Protein backbone atom coordinates (compact mmCIF):
# COMPACT_ATOMS: atom_id res chain seq x y z
CA MET A 1 52.45 -67.96 -18.07
CA ILE A 2 50.52 -64.68 -18.50
CA ARG A 3 47.91 -66.46 -20.61
CA GLN A 4 47.45 -69.11 -17.94
CA ILE A 5 47.01 -66.48 -15.21
CA LEU A 6 44.45 -64.59 -17.31
CA ALA A 7 42.58 -67.81 -18.10
CA MET A 8 42.28 -68.64 -14.40
CA THR A 9 41.20 -65.07 -13.69
CA TRP A 10 38.43 -65.21 -16.33
CA LYS A 11 37.21 -68.57 -15.01
CA ASP A 12 36.91 -67.32 -11.41
CA LEU A 13 35.22 -64.08 -12.48
CA LYS A 14 32.56 -66.05 -14.37
CA ILE A 15 32.00 -68.27 -11.33
CA PHE A 16 31.67 -65.24 -9.04
CA PHE A 17 29.20 -63.32 -11.21
CA LYS A 18 27.14 -66.47 -11.79
CA ASP A 19 26.23 -66.53 -8.08
CA ARG A 20 23.98 -63.45 -8.11
CA GLY A 21 22.97 -63.72 -4.47
CA GLY A 22 26.56 -63.85 -3.26
CA MET A 23 27.56 -61.08 -5.64
CA ILE A 24 24.81 -58.76 -4.33
CA LEU A 25 25.57 -59.54 -0.68
CA ILE A 26 29.28 -58.74 -0.88
CA PHE A 27 28.46 -55.23 -2.10
CA LEU A 28 25.26 -54.65 -0.12
CA GLN A 29 26.45 -55.79 3.33
CA PRO A 30 29.21 -53.18 3.90
CA PHE A 31 27.18 -50.45 2.22
CA MET A 32 24.17 -51.01 4.47
CA PHE A 33 26.53 -51.02 7.44
CA ILE A 34 27.83 -47.62 6.33
CA VAL A 35 24.34 -46.14 6.07
CA VAL A 36 23.02 -47.48 9.38
CA MET A 37 26.12 -46.67 11.45
CA SER A 38 26.64 -43.23 9.91
CA TYR A 39 23.11 -42.15 10.77
CA ALA A 40 23.22 -43.81 14.18
CA LEU A 41 26.41 -42.00 15.18
CA SER A 42 25.74 -38.65 13.50
CA GLY A 43 24.68 -36.90 16.71
CA LEU A 44 26.79 -38.75 19.21
CA PHE A 45 29.49 -36.78 21.01
CA THR A 46 29.62 -38.13 24.52
CA PRO A 47 33.14 -38.30 25.97
CA GLY A 48 34.79 -41.62 26.57
CA GLU A 49 36.58 -42.96 29.61
CA GLU A 50 40.01 -41.97 28.33
CA GLU A 51 41.41 -38.52 29.02
CA ILE A 52 41.00 -36.03 26.20
CA GLN A 53 44.37 -34.42 25.56
CA ILE A 54 44.15 -30.68 24.96
CA LEU A 55 46.96 -28.43 23.78
CA ALA A 56 46.56 -24.88 25.11
CA VAL A 57 48.31 -21.82 23.67
CA ASN A 58 47.93 -19.18 26.38
CA GLN A 59 48.55 -15.72 24.92
CA ASP A 60 46.47 -14.06 27.66
CA ARG A 61 48.20 -11.05 29.23
CA GLY A 62 46.23 -11.61 32.46
CA GLY A 63 45.70 -14.69 34.60
CA ARG A 64 42.12 -15.75 33.82
CA ALA A 65 42.99 -18.15 31.01
CA ALA A 66 45.55 -19.90 33.22
CA ILE A 67 42.92 -20.34 35.97
CA ILE A 68 40.39 -21.84 33.54
CA LEU A 69 42.97 -24.19 32.06
CA GLU A 70 43.97 -25.31 35.55
CA GLN A 71 40.32 -26.03 36.36
CA MET A 72 39.89 -28.07 33.18
CA ASP A 73 43.07 -30.00 33.86
CA GLY A 74 41.70 -30.85 37.31
CA LEU A 75 38.83 -32.77 35.73
CA SER A 76 39.39 -36.49 35.17
CA ALA A 77 38.12 -36.25 31.58
CA PHE A 78 40.85 -33.85 30.37
CA ARG A 79 44.60 -33.44 30.33
CA VAL A 80 45.64 -29.90 29.44
CA GLU A 81 49.15 -29.32 28.06
CA THR A 82 50.46 -25.74 28.00
CA THR A 83 54.09 -26.77 27.42
CA TRP A 84 55.88 -29.22 25.16
CA GLU A 85 59.32 -30.60 25.97
CA GLY A 86 59.72 -27.97 28.66
CA GLN A 87 58.85 -24.98 26.47
CA PRO A 88 55.60 -22.93 26.47
CA LEU A 89 53.42 -23.90 23.55
CA SER A 90 53.31 -21.52 20.61
CA ARG A 91 50.58 -21.59 18.00
CA GLN A 92 53.00 -22.91 15.38
CA LYS A 93 54.14 -25.73 17.64
CA ALA A 94 50.56 -26.68 18.42
CA GLU A 95 49.73 -26.79 14.69
CA ASP A 96 52.82 -28.89 14.01
CA LEU A 97 51.82 -31.41 16.69
CA ILE A 98 48.34 -31.72 15.18
CA VAL A 99 49.68 -32.14 11.65
CA GLU A 100 52.11 -34.81 12.89
CA GLY A 101 49.26 -36.70 14.55
CA GLU A 102 50.61 -36.24 18.09
CA ARG A 103 47.46 -34.44 19.25
CA ASP A 104 43.98 -33.75 17.88
CA LEU A 105 43.09 -30.24 19.03
CA ALA A 106 44.46 -27.05 20.54
CA LEU A 107 42.86 -24.02 22.22
CA VAL A 108 44.33 -20.57 21.52
CA PHE A 109 43.43 -17.90 24.10
CA PRO A 110 43.75 -14.29 22.80
CA PRO A 111 45.95 -11.68 24.52
CA ASP A 112 42.94 -9.67 25.76
CA PHE A 113 41.09 -12.65 27.25
CA SER A 114 41.34 -11.55 30.91
CA GLU A 115 40.65 -7.92 30.04
CA ALA A 116 37.43 -8.87 28.23
CA LEU A 117 36.26 -11.06 31.12
CA GLU A 118 36.79 -8.27 33.62
CA GLN A 119 34.53 -5.79 31.83
CA ASP A 120 31.38 -4.81 33.70
CA SER A 121 28.18 -6.57 32.77
CA ALA A 122 26.78 -3.60 30.83
CA THR A 123 29.74 -3.54 28.49
CA ALA A 124 30.10 -7.33 28.42
CA GLY A 125 26.78 -7.80 26.71
CA HIS A 126 28.05 -5.95 23.64
CA SER A 127 31.47 -7.59 23.30
CA ALA A 128 32.68 -11.05 22.53
CA ILE A 129 35.76 -13.15 23.16
CA GLN A 130 36.91 -15.40 20.36
CA ILE A 131 38.87 -18.52 21.28
CA GLN A 132 40.37 -20.35 18.34
CA VAL A 133 40.08 -24.12 18.30
CA ILE A 134 42.67 -25.74 16.03
CA VAL A 135 41.44 -29.19 15.11
CA ASP A 136 42.55 -32.06 12.93
CA PRO A 137 39.53 -32.28 10.60
CA ALA A 138 39.53 -36.07 10.97
CA THR A 139 38.72 -35.64 14.67
CA SER A 140 35.13 -36.49 15.53
CA ASP A 141 32.78 -34.10 17.32
CA ARG A 142 32.62 -36.76 20.03
CA LEU A 143 35.96 -35.36 21.18
CA VAL A 144 35.60 -31.68 20.30
CA GLN A 145 32.15 -30.87 21.70
CA PRO A 146 32.81 -31.98 25.32
CA VAL A 147 35.88 -29.72 25.37
CA LEU A 148 33.99 -26.67 24.12
CA GLY A 149 31.00 -27.34 26.37
CA THR A 150 33.20 -27.64 29.45
CA LEU A 151 35.17 -24.52 28.55
CA GLN A 152 31.95 -22.58 28.08
CA SER A 153 30.73 -23.67 31.51
CA PHE A 154 33.84 -22.23 33.17
CA ILE A 155 33.10 -18.86 31.53
CA ALA A 156 29.63 -18.70 33.02
CA SER A 157 29.20 -14.93 33.01
CA GLY A 158 30.59 -11.94 31.24
CA PRO A 159 30.96 -11.33 27.52
CA VAL A 160 29.78 -13.76 24.89
CA VAL A 161 32.38 -16.38 24.03
CA SER A 162 32.64 -17.62 20.46
CA PHE A 163 34.76 -20.48 19.20
CA GLU A 164 36.39 -20.26 15.81
CA ARG A 165 37.14 -23.78 14.60
CA VAL A 166 40.12 -23.83 12.22
CA THR A 167 42.52 -26.37 10.75
CA PRO A 168 46.31 -26.17 10.80
CA ALA A 169 47.67 -24.11 7.92
CA GLU A 170 49.32 -27.17 6.38
CA MET A 171 45.98 -29.01 6.05
CA PRO A 172 44.22 -27.58 2.96
CA VAL A 173 40.66 -28.22 4.21
CA THR A 174 37.99 -25.75 3.09
CA GLU A 175 35.23 -27.12 5.33
CA TYR A 176 34.83 -29.68 8.08
CA PRO A 177 33.83 -33.24 7.18
CA ASP A 178 30.31 -34.57 7.63
CA THR A 179 29.36 -37.84 9.33
CA PHE A 180 29.77 -39.82 6.10
CA GLN A 181 33.32 -38.61 5.52
CA GLN A 182 34.06 -39.62 9.09
CA ASN A 183 32.50 -43.10 8.88
CA VAL A 184 32.56 -44.26 5.25
CA PRO A 185 36.34 -44.94 5.10
CA GLY A 186 36.29 -47.17 8.19
CA TYR A 187 33.29 -49.25 7.14
CA THR A 188 34.54 -49.49 3.56
CA ILE A 189 37.85 -50.92 4.72
CA TYR A 190 36.00 -53.31 7.01
CA GLY A 191 33.93 -54.42 4.00
CA ILE A 192 36.71 -54.99 1.50
CA PHE A 193 38.62 -57.33 3.81
CA TRP A 194 35.72 -59.78 3.72
CA ILE A 195 37.09 -60.77 0.32
CA VAL A 196 39.36 -62.99 2.43
CA SER A 197 36.47 -65.39 3.01
CA LEU A 198 35.62 -65.69 -0.69
CA LEU A 199 39.21 -66.16 -1.82
CA ALA A 200 40.11 -68.70 0.87
CA GLY A 201 36.87 -70.59 0.30
CA SER A 202 37.53 -70.77 -3.44
CA VAL A 203 41.04 -72.12 -2.91
CA LEU A 204 39.76 -74.72 -0.45
CA GLN A 205 37.13 -75.86 -2.96
CA GLU A 206 39.80 -76.20 -5.66
CA LYS A 207 41.81 -78.38 -3.28
CA GLN A 208 38.81 -80.57 -2.43
CA ASN A 209 37.93 -80.98 -6.12
CA GLY A 210 41.47 -82.08 -6.90
CA THR A 211 42.13 -79.17 -9.27
CA PHE A 212 45.44 -78.28 -7.66
CA ARG A 213 46.67 -81.86 -7.77
CA ARG A 214 46.06 -81.92 -11.53
CA LEU A 215 47.94 -78.63 -11.85
CA LEU A 216 51.05 -80.32 -10.46
CA ALA A 217 51.58 -81.76 -13.94
CA ALA A 218 51.38 -78.31 -15.57
CA PRO A 219 54.38 -75.98 -16.05
CA LEU A 220 52.92 -73.55 -13.53
CA SER A 221 54.76 -72.36 -10.44
CA ARG A 222 53.09 -72.07 -7.06
CA THR A 223 53.52 -68.28 -7.18
CA ALA A 224 51.87 -67.99 -10.60
CA MET A 225 49.01 -70.26 -9.57
CA LEU A 226 48.25 -68.26 -6.42
CA ALA A 227 48.57 -65.00 -8.36
CA GLY A 228 45.98 -66.37 -10.77
CA LYS A 229 43.67 -67.11 -7.85
CA MET A 230 44.31 -63.73 -6.24
CA LEU A 231 43.83 -61.53 -9.31
CA PRO A 232 40.06 -62.00 -9.89
CA TYR A 233 39.30 -61.25 -6.24
CA TYR A 234 41.59 -58.25 -6.41
CA LEU A 235 39.52 -56.93 -9.32
CA ILE A 236 36.31 -57.65 -7.39
CA ASN A 237 37.72 -55.72 -4.44
CA LEU A 238 38.46 -52.72 -6.65
CA LEU A 239 34.91 -52.87 -7.98
CA GLN A 240 33.62 -53.01 -4.41
CA LEU A 241 35.67 -49.95 -3.45
CA THR A 242 34.41 -48.07 -6.49
CA ILE A 243 30.79 -48.86 -5.61
CA MET A 244 31.17 -47.98 -1.91
CA LEU A 245 32.90 -44.65 -2.47
CA GLY A 246 30.97 -43.76 -5.62
CA ALA A 247 27.57 -44.47 -4.06
CA SER A 248 28.48 -42.50 -0.93
CA SER A 249 29.47 -39.56 -3.11
CA LEU A 250 26.35 -39.69 -5.31
CA LEU A 251 23.76 -40.45 -2.63
CA PHE A 252 25.13 -38.45 0.28
CA GLY A 253 27.11 -35.72 -1.48
CA MET A 254 30.29 -36.92 0.20
CA SER A 255 33.44 -35.26 -1.12
CA LEU A 256 36.10 -37.65 -2.40
CA GLY A 257 38.91 -35.21 -1.74
CA ASN A 258 41.11 -33.22 -4.08
CA SER A 259 43.41 -35.96 -5.39
CA PRO A 260 41.97 -38.63 -7.72
CA LEU A 261 45.47 -40.11 -8.14
CA GLY A 262 45.86 -40.38 -4.39
CA LEU A 263 42.48 -42.07 -4.09
CA ILE A 264 43.39 -44.57 -6.82
CA ALA A 265 46.79 -45.32 -5.26
CA VAL A 266 45.33 -45.94 -1.79
CA SER A 267 42.50 -48.09 -3.20
CA LEU A 268 44.91 -50.23 -5.23
CA ALA A 269 47.15 -50.76 -2.20
CA ALA A 270 44.27 -51.43 0.21
CA ALA A 271 42.77 -54.01 -2.16
CA ALA A 272 46.18 -55.66 -2.52
CA SER A 273 46.59 -56.02 1.25
CA ALA A 274 43.08 -57.49 1.56
CA THR A 275 43.56 -60.08 -1.17
CA GLY A 276 47.07 -60.82 0.08
CA LEU A 277 45.56 -61.68 3.46
CA GLY A 278 43.12 -63.93 1.62
CA VAL A 279 46.02 -65.88 0.11
CA LEU A 280 47.54 -66.26 3.57
CA VAL A 281 44.30 -67.60 5.08
CA ALA A 282 43.88 -69.91 2.07
CA ALA A 283 47.34 -71.35 2.69
CA LEU A 284 46.79 -71.92 6.40
CA ALA A 285 43.18 -73.18 6.48
CA ARG A 286 42.48 -76.84 5.79
CA THR A 287 38.69 -77.06 6.21
CA GLU A 288 35.61 -74.90 5.66
CA ALA A 289 35.28 -74.45 9.42
CA GLN A 290 38.86 -73.21 9.61
CA VAL A 291 38.29 -70.77 6.76
CA GLY A 292 35.16 -69.37 8.45
CA GLY A 293 36.59 -69.22 11.95
CA MET A 294 39.93 -67.76 10.89
CA THR A 295 38.29 -65.17 8.67
CA VAL A 296 35.87 -63.90 11.33
CA MET A 297 38.52 -63.88 14.05
CA LEU A 298 41.09 -62.03 11.94
CA LEU A 299 38.78 -59.52 10.32
CA LEU A 300 36.88 -58.48 13.42
CA THR A 301 40.05 -58.21 15.48
CA LEU A 302 42.02 -56.32 12.83
CA SER A 303 39.08 -54.02 12.04
CA ALA A 304 38.58 -53.15 15.71
CA LEU A 305 42.28 -52.53 16.32
CA GLY A 306 42.60 -50.53 13.10
CA GLY A 307 39.87 -48.08 14.10
CA CYS A 308 37.14 -49.16 11.67
CA PHE A 309 34.51 -49.41 14.42
CA VAL A 310 35.78 -47.05 17.13
CA PRO A 311 38.07 -44.11 16.26
CA ARG A 312 41.60 -44.81 17.38
CA PHE A 313 41.83 -41.43 19.16
CA ALA A 314 39.29 -42.79 21.67
CA MET A 315 41.49 -45.78 22.50
CA PRO A 316 44.26 -45.93 25.12
CA GLU A 317 47.63 -44.88 23.71
CA TRP A 318 49.05 -48.42 23.90
CA LEU A 319 46.09 -49.71 21.88
CA GLN A 320 46.52 -46.94 19.32
CA THR A 321 50.12 -48.06 18.86
CA LEU A 322 49.11 -51.71 18.65
CA GLY A 323 46.66 -50.80 15.91
CA LEU A 324 49.56 -49.93 13.62
CA VAL A 325 50.29 -53.65 13.16
CA THR A 326 47.10 -53.86 11.09
CA PRO A 327 46.71 -52.81 7.44
CA HIS A 328 43.31 -51.41 8.40
CA ALA A 329 44.85 -48.57 10.43
CA TRP A 330 47.15 -47.53 7.59
CA ALA A 331 44.38 -47.72 4.99
CA LEU A 332 41.99 -45.76 7.21
CA ASP A 333 44.55 -43.04 7.90
CA ALA A 334 45.32 -42.81 4.17
CA TYR A 335 41.64 -42.41 3.23
CA GLN A 336 41.14 -39.81 5.97
CA ASP A 337 44.20 -37.94 4.72
CA LEU A 338 42.54 -37.70 1.30
CA LEU A 339 38.84 -37.38 2.09
CA VAL A 340 38.99 -35.42 5.34
CA ARG A 341 42.33 -33.65 5.64
CA GLY A 342 42.55 -32.62 1.98
CA TYR A 343 45.98 -34.14 1.34
CA GLY A 344 47.28 -35.28 -2.04
CA LEU A 345 49.20 -38.19 -3.54
CA ALA A 346 52.59 -37.18 -2.14
CA GLU A 347 51.35 -37.12 1.46
CA VAL A 348 49.73 -40.59 1.29
CA LEU A 349 52.55 -42.38 -0.54
CA PRO A 350 54.24 -43.54 2.70
CA ARG A 351 50.99 -45.17 3.83
CA VAL A 352 50.54 -46.70 0.38
CA GLY A 353 54.02 -48.18 0.72
CA VAL A 354 53.13 -49.75 4.08
CA LEU A 355 49.94 -51.25 2.62
CA LEU A 356 51.91 -52.76 -0.27
CA ALA A 357 54.41 -54.15 2.24
CA PHE A 358 51.52 -55.83 4.09
CA ALA A 359 50.30 -57.26 0.77
CA ALA A 360 53.75 -58.61 -0.10
CA LEU A 361 54.21 -60.09 3.38
CA PHE A 362 50.82 -61.83 3.37
CA PHE A 363 51.28 -63.15 -0.17
CA GLY A 364 54.87 -64.25 0.48
CA ILE A 365 53.96 -66.23 3.60
CA GLY A 366 50.95 -67.64 1.75
CA VAL A 367 53.13 -68.92 -1.10
CA TRP A 368 55.63 -70.38 1.39
CA ARG A 369 53.01 -72.20 3.43
CA PHE A 370 50.74 -73.29 0.58
CA ARG A 371 50.22 -76.99 -0.05
CA PHE A 372 48.51 -78.41 -3.14
CA ARG A 373 46.51 -80.88 -1.04
C-alpha cells in the first residue's frame, strides 16, 4: 500500500514539474501579490468605520486625564474603556486582555499627568509627559496612529507629550514588526490555498481519463487512493511556503521569529488544511467549470473572512467571530504569533491542532463523498 501511494506521488510530481509555466505561476503569483500589497499599504493608517476600542489605565492623581478620555470617548471613531467587569482597569489587567486577544491597545496615564499639564508655559517647554501605549505587536499602525494623533490634539498646549510604545510583558518582542511581517503571513496563506485548484483539477482529469475506473480492480482503498493524490500537492505546498517565507526573509530582511519548530509545525498544519480542502472540492466537483467556480468562490470568501486581505481587527465583532470558521484565520493567527508576537511552539500548538482538525474534516468528507466516476 505504501509503495502504491509513493508511486502515485512520484507520478504526479513529475507531471507538475513538467509544466514549467504552471509551476512558475503557482509560486510567482502569491509572491508578487505580497510585494505589491506590502508596499502599497506600508504608509496607510487611516481609521476605518468601526469604532477603535481603547483600554485606558488612568493613574492620574488629578482630573485632566479623565477629561481627555471622556472627550475621546465622545468621538464616533473611538470607544474608551476605563473599567472591565465593573472594576477600574489596572495595568496588569490591560496587558492580560491584550495577550488574550480581547483588545489591541491600552493607554497608561502617569500619576503626575494633571500636574505636568498645569505647569506654566515657561516650565512646560522643558518638561515632558510620557504616556505608555501597550500594543499587541500584530496590530497595524492603521489602528494605532489615529489614536495617538487624536490624543495629541487634545493636549494642544503645555509640556511636550511623548508616547512610549511597549508590548505586554508576556509577549517577548524585541522590536515592532515591519510592513512585511504584517502582510506576508496573510498573503502567503491566501497563496497556498490555491493548491485546491490544482489538486481538484488533477482528480477531475483522472476521472475523465478513466484512471479511477481502472483502479477499481486494484487492491487500493478509496482513502489510500485519495491520500496518494493529496501527498504530492502537500509537498508542493510545503515547497511554496518555504519559498514565500524564505524569499521574504532574504530579500526584505523579514524576521522569521524565534521558534523554527513552531514555524515548521504551523506550516505543516496549514499545508494539510489546504490540501485537505482540495480533496473536498475534488470530491464535490463534477466538471472543470465546477472546479473553477467552487475554488474561486471558496478561496476568496475564506481568505477575506480569515483576515488575509483586511485585518480582522478592522472588521465588526460578529464578522471577526465568523472568521474563526475558516482555517485561514487560525493559520494567520499562528503565523503572527510566531513572526510578530515572538511566541514559541507551545503557544501555537492549540492553533496547529485546529488546523489539523480542519484538514481531517475536509479529507474525511472528501473520502465519504468521493465517487470514482
